[in-house]
Amino acid sequence: MKHNSSQKTHFIGQETEIQKYGTVVNRPLSLDHKIRQASADKLNQILADTITLRDMYKKHHWQVSGSTFYQLHLLFDKHYGEQAELVDALAERIQTLGGVAIAMAHDVAETTRVQRVPRGREDSTIQLFRLLQAHELIIDESRDAAHAAAACGDDGTNDLLVSDVLRRNEFQVWFVSEQLAGAGIADKDEESADSLVEAHA
């Protein structure tokens, strides 16, 4: 019987999965299954938010305009590259723990807690505030996850979150914040800053 070489095989649903998302397989890491599961779950949330922040930086890199175009164009791309490194590190830690790292854009969109940005171009000040909001969210959840990992003896996850994710995000916050120093709104309180972004949503 001849097979039509032009015929394509289409897989439906989850028939090809060898491990379900949200599960962890055994790893000889001297860490209890429940500990690895909890760490993988927290890391996947941080990963989804980090992927979103990474892509926000690339969006702003392409769309930034105004008198600070050149410096922000370069800064956004530099931060994009650094966030891309964090994405890899987070995903690899999840896999190391025996979990399944979130990866596809539609799954990330359903999972991320970062506020969705519009498709169109925004003023650079709004771009900067949006980035700061996303950074703060990731910093907050990374601290919580780092404390939880330390309390459970998951030193590898704690080290990644503190040494890489937290420090990198805090450092980038410094650079982004300084870009607002001459904007006349850098000293506004957090509620006013949030209102400014919401008004442009």
Protein backbone atom coordinates (compact mmCIF):
# COMPACT_ATOMS: atom_id res chain seq x y z
CA MET A 1 0.00 0.00 0.00
CA LYS A 2 1.44 3.34 -1.05
CA HIS A 3 1.43 6.29 1.29
CA ASN A 4 0.77 9.73 -0.04
CA SER A 5 3.95 11.65 0.78
CA SER A 6 2.06 14.93 0.59
CA GLN A 7 -0.25 13.83 3.37
CA LYS A 8 0.54 15.54 6.67
CA THR A 9 0.07 14.14 10.13
CA HIS A 10 -1.84 16.38 12.50
CA PHE A 11 -1.72 15.74 16.20
CA ILE A 12 -4.77 16.68 18.23
CA GLY A 13 -4.94 17.70 21.87
CA GLN A 14 -2.46 16.23 24.30
CA GLU A 15 -1.83 12.87 22.66
CA THR A 16 1.87 13.55 22.16
CA GLU A 17 2.68 14.73 25.68
CA ILE A 18 5.14 12.62 27.66
CA GLN A 19 4.71 14.77 30.78
CA LYS A 20 1.80 16.98 31.79
CA TYR A 21 2.38 20.64 32.57
CA GLY A 22 2.15 21.28 36.30
CA THR A 23 3.75 17.97 37.26
CA VAL A 24 7.26 17.01 38.32
CA VAL A 25 9.06 13.75 37.65
CA ASN A 26 11.51 12.14 40.03
CA ARG A 27 15.01 13.60 40.23
CA PRO A 28 17.79 12.41 42.61
CA LEU A 29 18.21 15.91 44.05
CA SER A 30 17.65 15.05 47.71
CA LEU A 31 14.52 17.21 47.60
CA ASP A 32 11.04 15.95 48.43
CA HIS A 33 8.53 15.73 45.58
CA LYS A 34 6.27 18.35 47.21
CA ILE A 35 9.17 20.80 47.57
CA ARG A 36 10.15 20.42 43.93
CA GLN A 37 6.51 20.77 42.86
CA ALA A 38 6.05 23.98 44.88
CA SER A 39 9.28 25.48 43.55
CA ALA A 40 8.45 24.56 39.95
CA ASP A 41 4.99 26.13 40.25
CA LYS A 42 6.39 29.38 41.65
CA LEU A 43 9.16 29.46 39.07
CA ASN A 44 6.70 28.96 36.22
CA GLN A 45 4.76 32.03 37.34
CA ILE A 46 7.95 34.07 37.50
CA LEU A 47 8.98 32.66 34.13
CA ALA A 48 5.69 33.69 32.50
CA ASP A 49 6.07 37.20 33.90
CA THR A 50 9.73 37.38 32.89
CA ILE A 51 8.92 36.31 29.32
CA THR A 52 6.30 39.07 29.22
CA LEU A 53 8.74 41.67 30.56
CA ARG A 54 11.39 40.51 28.09
CA ASP A 55 8.95 40.99 25.21
CA MET A 56 7.84 44.39 26.55
CA TYR A 57 11.45 45.52 26.33
CA LYS A 58 11.68 44.41 22.71
CA LYS A 59 8.36 46.10 21.89
CA HIS A 60 9.54 49.35 23.43
CA HIS A 61 12.92 48.99 21.72
CA TRP A 62 11.16 48.95 18.36
CA GLN A 63 8.56 51.62 19.10
CA VAL A 64 10.31 54.19 21.29
CA SER A 65 10.40 57.75 19.94
CA GLY A 66 11.29 61.27 21.00
CA SER A 67 14.38 63.16 22.09
CA THR A 68 15.71 60.19 24.10
CA PHE A 69 15.15 57.72 21.28
CA TYR A 70 18.75 56.65 20.82
CA GLN A 71 19.62 56.04 24.47
CA LEU A 72 16.33 54.27 25.23
CA HIS A 73 16.54 52.24 22.02
CA LEU A 74 19.89 50.88 23.19
CA LEU A 75 18.91 50.52 26.85
CA PHE A 76 15.72 48.61 26.07
CA ASP A 77 17.60 46.19 23.83
CA LYS A 78 20.30 45.64 26.46
CA HIS A 79 17.67 44.88 29.12
CA TYR A 80 15.85 42.61 26.66
CA GLY A 81 19.00 40.52 26.27
CA GLU A 82 19.50 40.29 30.02
CA GLN A 83 15.89 39.26 30.59
CA ALA A 84 16.27 36.63 27.85
CA GLU A 85 19.14 35.14 29.87
CA LEU A 86 16.90 35.02 32.94
CA VAL A 87 14.18 33.28 30.91
CA ASP A 88 16.64 30.51 30.03
CA ALA A 89 17.91 30.21 33.61
CA LEU A 90 14.39 29.99 35.05
CA ALA A 91 13.22 27.45 32.46
CA GLU A 92 16.28 25.27 32.98
CA ARG A 93 15.81 25.32 36.77
CA ILE A 94 12.19 24.17 36.34
CA GLN A 95 13.35 21.32 34.13
CA THR A 96 16.13 20.47 36.60
CA LEU A 97 13.53 20.12 39.34
CA GLY A 98 11.63 17.67 37.14
CA GLY A 99 8.97 20.11 36.02
CA VAL A 100 7.78 21.42 32.66
CA ALA A 101 8.69 25.01 31.82
CA ILE A 102 5.98 27.19 30.32
CA ALA A 103 7.03 28.24 26.84
CA MET A 104 4.39 29.12 24.24
CA ALA A 105 3.08 32.66 23.82
CA HIS A 106 -0.59 31.75 24.29
CA ASP A 107 0.16 29.88 27.51
CA VAL A 108 2.30 32.74 28.79
CA ALA A 109 -0.48 35.23 27.99
CA GLU A 110 -2.97 33.18 30.01
CA THR A 111 -0.58 32.90 32.96
CA THR A 112 1.25 36.19 33.31
CA ARG A 113 0.23 38.72 35.95
CA VAL A 114 1.88 41.59 34.09
CA GLN A 115 -0.70 44.08 32.81
CA ARG A 116 -1.30 43.73 29.07
CA VAL A 117 0.09 46.57 26.99
CA PRO A 118 -1.64 47.97 23.88
CA ARG A 119 -0.43 47.00 20.43
CA GLY A 120 0.19 50.59 19.40
CA ARG A 121 3.03 52.94 20.25
CA GLU A 122 3.05 54.83 23.55
CA ASP A 123 4.97 57.80 24.89
CA SER A 124 8.37 56.85 26.31
CA THR A 125 7.34 57.97 29.80
CA ILE A 126 4.45 55.51 29.80
CA GLN A 127 6.74 52.81 28.44
CA LEU A 128 9.13 53.37 31.35
CA PHE A 129 6.35 53.29 33.96
CA ARG A 130 4.97 50.06 32.50
CA LEU A 131 8.42 48.48 32.75
CA LEU A 132 8.80 49.58 36.37
CA GLN A 133 5.42 48.05 37.26
CA ALA A 134 6.40 44.73 35.67
CA HIS A 135 9.78 44.75 37.40
CA GLU A 136 8.19 45.41 40.79
CA LEU A 137 5.75 42.53 40.33
CA ILE A 138 8.58 40.12 39.48
CA ILE A 139 10.76 41.39 42.33
CA ASP A 140 7.91 40.88 44.81
CA GLU A 141 7.05 37.35 43.69
CA SER A 142 10.73 36.40 43.40
CA ARG A 143 11.39 37.45 46.98
CA ASP A 144 8.45 35.40 48.22
CA ALA A 145 9.56 32.38 46.19
CA ALA A 146 13.17 32.75 47.37
CA HIS A 147 12.07 32.81 51.03
CA ALA A 148 9.86 29.75 50.49
CA ALA A 149 12.66 27.85 48.73
CA ALA A 150 15.14 28.67 51.50
CA ALA A 151 12.69 27.54 54.16
CA CYS A 152 12.28 24.19 52.37
CA GLY A 153 15.97 23.63 51.76
CA ASP A 154 15.78 24.22 48.01
CA ASP A 155 19.05 26.17 47.94
CA GLY A 156 19.46 25.95 44.17
CA THR A 157 16.18 27.72 43.52
CA ASN A 158 16.86 30.25 46.26
CA ASP A 159 20.29 31.03 44.78
CA LEU A 160 18.89 31.51 41.28
CA LEU A 161 16.15 33.83 42.50
CA VAL A 162 18.37 35.94 44.74
CA SER A 163 21.64 36.00 42.80
CA ASP A 164 20.19 36.28 39.31
CA VAL A 165 16.51 37.23 39.12
CA LEU A 166 16.28 39.67 42.03
CA ARG A 167 19.61 41.37 41.54
CA ARG A 168 19.17 41.74 37.79
CA ASN A 169 15.66 43.17 38.11
CA GLU A 170 16.67 45.54 40.90
CA PHE A 171 19.62 46.74 38.81
CA GLN A 172 17.41 47.32 35.78
CA VAL A 173 14.89 49.22 37.93
CA TRP A 174 17.69 51.63 38.86
CA PHE A 175 18.46 52.33 35.18
CA VAL A 176 14.82 52.66 34.15
CA SER A 177 14.03 54.92 37.14
CA GLU A 178 16.90 57.24 36.31
CA GLN A 179 15.49 57.73 32.82
CA LEU A 180 12.49 59.39 34.48
CA ALA A 181 14.59 61.75 36.60
CA GLY A 182 14.11 64.70 34.26
CA ALA A 183 10.53 63.92 33.27
CA GLY A 184 8.95 66.04 35.99
CA ILE A 185 6.99 63.07 37.32
CA ALA A 186 9.75 60.91 38.76
CA ASP A 187 8.83 61.86 42.31
CA LYS A 188 5.11 61.14 42.00
CA ASP A 189 3.83 58.62 44.52
CA GLU A 190 3.02 55.08 43.41
CA GLU A 191 -0.74 55.68 43.25
CA SER A 192 -0.29 58.67 40.95
CA ALA A 193 2.08 56.71 38.73
CA ASP A 194 -0.39 53.84 38.46
CA SER A 195 -3.17 56.29 37.60
CA LEU A 196 -1.02 57.77 34.84
CA VAL A 197 -0.53 54.38 33.23
CA GLU A 198 -4.20 53.40 33.65
CA ALA A 199 -5.25 56.64 31.96
CA HIS A 200 -3.30 55.59 28.89
CA ALA A 201 -4.49 51.97 28.94
